[in-house]
Amino acid sequence: MSDKIHWLDVEEIAELLLEAHPDRDPLTVRFTELRRMVEALPGFTADAAHPVNEKILETIQAMWYEEHTDAAGDEDDDD
């Protein structure tokens, strides 16, 4: 991962959100809260050329959910 991320780095953002909030169900997070959570991530810098919109937030949420589900599946495999 690079030191700086912006809104189009959706995969990196999803991974960082999972690390920062491992017990949070991504589907329960409203877009307003999700935006604040992303903006609070270390290394996040908004890029004026690519402002955030609902589609980007949906994509981040979906990828975060996928990461969350994969991580939960990995934990189940350890049992």
N, C-alpha and C. Protein backbone atom coordinates (compact mmCIF):
# COMPACT_ATOMS: atom_id res chain seq x y z
N MET A 1 0.83 -1.18 0.00
CA MET A 1 0.00 0.00 0.00
C MET A 1 0.88 1.25 0.00
N SER A 2 0.41 2.25 -0.68
CA SER A 2 1.16 3.50 -0.69
C SER A 2 0.87 4.28 0.59
N ASP A 3 1.68 5.33 0.81
CA ASP A 3 1.51 6.14 2.02
C ASP A 3 0.26 7.01 1.96
N LYS A 4 -0.11 7.42 0.75
CA LYS A 4 -1.27 8.30 0.59
C LYS A 4 -2.35 7.58 -0.19
N ILE A 5 -3.57 7.75 0.26
CA ILE A 5 -4.72 7.17 -0.45
C ILE A 5 -5.75 8.27 -0.69
N HIS A 6 -6.56 8.07 -1.70
CA HIS A 6 -7.66 9.00 -1.97
C HIS A 6 -8.88 8.19 -2.37
N TRP A 7 -9.96 8.86 -2.71
CA TRP A 7 -11.25 8.21 -2.88
C TRP A 7 -11.25 7.08 -3.90
N LEU A 8 -10.40 7.10 -4.89
CA LEU A 8 -10.41 6.04 -5.90
C LEU A 8 -9.63 4.81 -5.48
N ASP A 9 -8.96 4.85 -4.35
CA ASP A 9 -8.22 3.70 -3.83
C ASP A 9 -9.15 2.82 -2.99
N VAL A 10 -10.23 2.38 -3.61
CA VAL A 10 -11.30 1.72 -2.85
C VAL A 10 -10.85 0.41 -2.21
N GLU A 11 -9.99 -0.36 -2.87
CA GLU A 11 -9.54 -1.62 -2.28
C GLU A 11 -8.69 -1.37 -1.04
N GLU A 12 -7.78 -0.42 -1.13
CA GLU A 12 -6.94 -0.09 0.03
C GLU A 12 -7.79 0.45 1.17
N ILE A 13 -8.75 1.29 0.82
CA ILE A 13 -9.65 1.85 1.84
C ILE A 13 -10.41 0.74 2.54
N ALA A 14 -10.93 -0.22 1.79
CA ALA A 14 -11.68 -1.33 2.38
C ALA A 14 -10.80 -2.13 3.34
N GLU A 15 -9.56 -2.38 2.95
CA GLU A 15 -8.64 -3.12 3.81
C GLU A 15 -8.35 -2.33 5.09
N LEU A 16 -8.12 -1.04 4.95
CA LEU A 16 -7.83 -0.21 6.12
C LEU A 16 -9.03 -0.10 7.05
N LEU A 17 -10.22 -0.03 6.48
CA LEU A 17 -11.43 0.01 7.32
C LEU A 17 -11.59 -1.29 8.10
N LEU A 18 -11.29 -2.41 7.47
CA LEU A 18 -11.37 -3.69 8.16
C LEU A 18 -10.37 -3.74 9.31
N GLU A 19 -9.16 -3.24 9.07
CA GLU A 19 -8.15 -3.21 10.13
C GLU A 19 -8.58 -2.29 11.27
N ALA A 20 -9.14 -1.14 10.92
CA ALA A 20 -9.52 -0.15 11.94
C ALA A 20 -10.80 -0.51 12.68
N HIS A 21 -11.69 -1.24 12.01
CA HIS A 21 -13.00 -1.56 12.59
C HIS A 21 -13.36 -3.03 12.32
N PRO A 22 -12.58 -3.97 12.87
CA PRO A 22 -12.77 -5.39 12.54
C PRO A 22 -14.11 -5.97 12.98
N ASP A 23 -14.71 -5.41 14.02
CA ASP A 23 -15.97 -5.96 14.53
C ASP A 23 -17.20 -5.22 14.02
N ARG A 24 -16.99 -4.26 13.16
CA ARG A 24 -18.10 -3.45 12.64
C ARG A 24 -18.69 -4.10 11.39
N ASP A 25 -20.00 -4.22 11.32
CA ASP A 25 -20.67 -4.71 10.12
C ASP A 25 -20.76 -3.56 9.13
N PRO A 26 -20.06 -3.64 8.01
CA PRO A 26 -20.06 -2.54 7.05
C PRO A 26 -21.45 -2.15 6.55
N LEU A 27 -22.36 -3.08 6.53
CA LEU A 27 -23.70 -2.78 6.01
C LEU A 27 -24.54 -1.96 6.98
N THR A 28 -24.06 -1.76 8.20
CA THR A 28 -24.80 -0.94 9.16
C THR A 28 -24.29 0.51 9.20
N VAL A 29 -23.29 0.80 8.38
CA VAL A 29 -22.67 2.13 8.38
C VAL A 29 -23.34 3.01 7.33
N ARG A 30 -23.87 4.14 7.76
CA ARG A 30 -24.47 5.09 6.81
C ARG A 30 -23.36 5.79 6.04
N PHE A 31 -23.70 6.27 4.85
CA PHE A 31 -22.70 6.90 4.00
C PHE A 31 -22.06 8.13 4.66
N THR A 32 -22.83 8.88 5.43
CA THR A 32 -22.25 10.05 6.10
C THR A 32 -21.17 9.62 7.09
N GLU A 33 -21.44 8.55 7.83
CA GLU A 33 -20.45 8.03 8.77
C GLU A 33 -19.28 7.39 8.02
N LEU A 34 -19.57 6.66 6.96
CA LEU A 34 -18.52 6.03 6.17
C LEU A 34 -17.55 7.08 5.63
N ARG A 35 -18.09 8.17 5.15
CA ARG A 35 -17.24 9.24 4.64
C ARG A 35 -16.30 9.75 5.74
N ARG A 36 -16.83 9.98 6.92
CA ARG A 36 -16.00 10.44 8.05
C ARG A 36 -14.95 9.40 8.42
N MET A 37 -15.33 8.13 8.39
CA MET A 37 -14.40 7.06 8.74
C MET A 37 -13.24 7.01 7.74
N VAL A 38 -13.56 7.14 6.47
CA VAL A 38 -12.52 7.11 5.44
C VAL A 38 -11.61 8.32 5.58
N GLU A 39 -12.20 9.49 5.77
CA GLU A 39 -11.40 10.71 5.90
C GLU A 39 -10.48 10.67 7.12
N ALA A 40 -10.82 9.85 8.12
CA ALA A 40 -10.01 9.73 9.33
C ALA A 40 -8.90 8.69 9.19
N LEU A 41 -8.88 7.93 8.11
CA LEU A 41 -7.86 6.90 7.93
C LEU A 41 -6.48 7.55 7.77
N PRO A 42 -5.45 6.92 8.34
CA PRO A 42 -4.10 7.45 8.17
C PRO A 42 -3.71 7.44 6.69
N GLY A 43 -3.16 8.53 6.24
CA GLY A 43 -2.71 8.62 4.85
C GLY A 43 -3.77 9.06 3.86
N PHE A 44 -5.01 9.25 4.33
CA PHE A 44 -6.06 9.67 3.40
C PHE A 44 -5.89 11.14 3.07
N THR A 45 -5.93 11.44 1.78
CA THR A 45 -5.89 12.81 1.29
C THR A 45 -6.91 12.94 0.18
N ALA A 46 -7.82 13.86 0.33
CA ALA A 46 -8.82 14.09 -0.72
C ALA A 46 -8.13 14.61 -1.98
N ASP A 47 -8.58 14.14 -3.13
CA ASP A 47 -8.04 14.58 -4.41
C ASP A 47 -9.13 15.39 -5.10
N ALA A 48 -8.88 16.66 -5.33
CA ALA A 48 -9.89 17.54 -5.93
C ALA A 48 -10.33 17.06 -7.30
N ALA A 49 -9.48 16.31 -7.98
CA ALA A 49 -9.83 15.80 -9.30
C ALA A 49 -10.84 14.65 -9.21
N HIS A 50 -10.94 14.03 -8.04
CA HIS A 50 -11.85 12.91 -7.86
C HIS A 50 -12.62 13.06 -6.55
N PRO A 51 -13.60 13.95 -6.51
CA PRO A 51 -14.38 14.11 -5.28
C PRO A 51 -15.23 12.87 -5.00
N VAL A 52 -15.58 12.72 -3.76
CA VAL A 52 -16.39 11.57 -3.37
C VAL A 52 -17.82 11.74 -3.86
N ASN A 53 -18.45 10.61 -4.18
CA ASN A 53 -19.86 10.60 -4.54
C ASN A 53 -20.48 9.30 -4.01
N GLU A 54 -21.77 9.16 -4.19
CA GLU A 54 -22.46 8.00 -3.64
C GLU A 54 -21.95 6.69 -4.24
N LYS A 55 -21.64 6.68 -5.52
CA LYS A 55 -21.14 5.46 -6.16
C LYS A 55 -19.82 5.00 -5.54
N ILE A 56 -18.94 5.94 -5.27
CA ILE A 56 -17.66 5.59 -4.64
C ILE A 56 -17.91 5.03 -3.24
N LEU A 57 -18.78 5.67 -2.48
CA LEU A 57 -19.09 5.18 -1.13
C LEU A 57 -19.73 3.80 -1.18
N GLU A 58 -20.61 3.55 -2.14
CA GLU A 58 -21.21 2.23 -2.31
C GLU A 58 -20.15 1.18 -2.60
N THR A 59 -19.22 1.53 -3.47
CA THR A 59 -18.16 0.60 -3.84
C THR A 59 -17.26 0.30 -2.64
N ILE A 60 -16.90 1.33 -1.88
CA ILE A 60 -16.09 1.12 -0.68
C ILE A 60 -16.82 0.23 0.30
N GLN A 61 -18.10 0.50 0.52
CA GLN A 61 -18.87 -0.30 1.47
C GLN A 61 -18.96 -1.76 1.01
N ALA A 62 -19.19 -1.98 -0.27
CA ALA A 62 -19.28 -3.35 -0.80
C ALA A 62 -17.94 -4.08 -0.66
N MET A 63 -16.86 -3.40 -0.95
CA MET A 63 -15.54 -4.04 -0.84
C MET A 63 -15.18 -4.29 0.61
N TRP A 64 -15.52 -3.35 1.48
CA TRP A 64 -15.29 -3.55 2.91
C TRP A 64 -16.09 -4.75 3.40
N TYR A 65 -17.35 -4.86 2.96
CA TYR A 65 -18.18 -6.00 3.34
C TYR A 65 -17.56 -7.31 2.86
N GLU A 66 -17.05 -7.31 1.63
CA GLU A 66 -16.41 -8.51 1.09
C GLU A 66 -15.19 -8.88 1.94
N GLU A 67 -14.36 -7.91 2.27
CA GLU A 67 -13.20 -8.14 3.13
C GLU A 67 -13.64 -8.67 4.50
N HIS A 68 -14.68 -8.06 5.05
CA HIS A 68 -15.22 -8.46 6.35
C HIS A 68 -15.71 -9.91 6.31
N THR A 69 -16.42 -10.26 5.26
CA THR A 69 -16.95 -11.62 5.10
C THR A 69 -15.82 -12.62 4.93
N ASP A 70 -14.83 -12.26 4.11
CA ASP A 70 -13.68 -13.14 3.92
C ASP A 70 -12.93 -13.37 5.23
N ALA A 71 -12.75 -12.31 6.00
CA ALA A 71 -12.05 -12.41 7.28
C ALA A 71 -12.83 -13.30 8.25
N ALA A 72 -14.14 -13.14 8.26
CA ALA A 72 -14.98 -13.96 9.15
C ALA A 72 -14.90 -15.43 8.72
N GLY A 73 -14.85 -15.67 7.42
CA GLY A 73 -14.73 -17.04 6.92
C GLY A 73 -13.40 -17.65 7.29
N ASP A 74 -12.34 -16.84 7.24
CA ASP A 74 -11.02 -17.33 7.65
C ASP A 74 -10.99 -17.70 9.11
N GLU A 75 -11.67 -16.93 9.96
CA GLU A 75 -11.74 -17.24 11.39
C GLU A 75 -12.50 -18.54 11.61
N ASP A 76 -13.56 -18.76 10.85
CA ASP A 76 -14.33 -20.00 10.97
C ASP A 76 -13.51 -21.21 10.55
N ASP A 77 -12.62 -21.04 9.58
CA ASP A 77 -11.78 -22.13 9.12
C ASP A 77 -10.78 -22.56 10.17
N ASP A 78 -10.42 -21.64 11.09
CA ASP A 78 -9.46 -21.94 12.14
C ASP A 78 -10.06 -22.83 13.22
N ASP A 79 -11.37 -22.89 13.31
CA ASP A 79 -12.03 -23.67 14.38
C ASP A 79 -11.89 -25.15 14.16
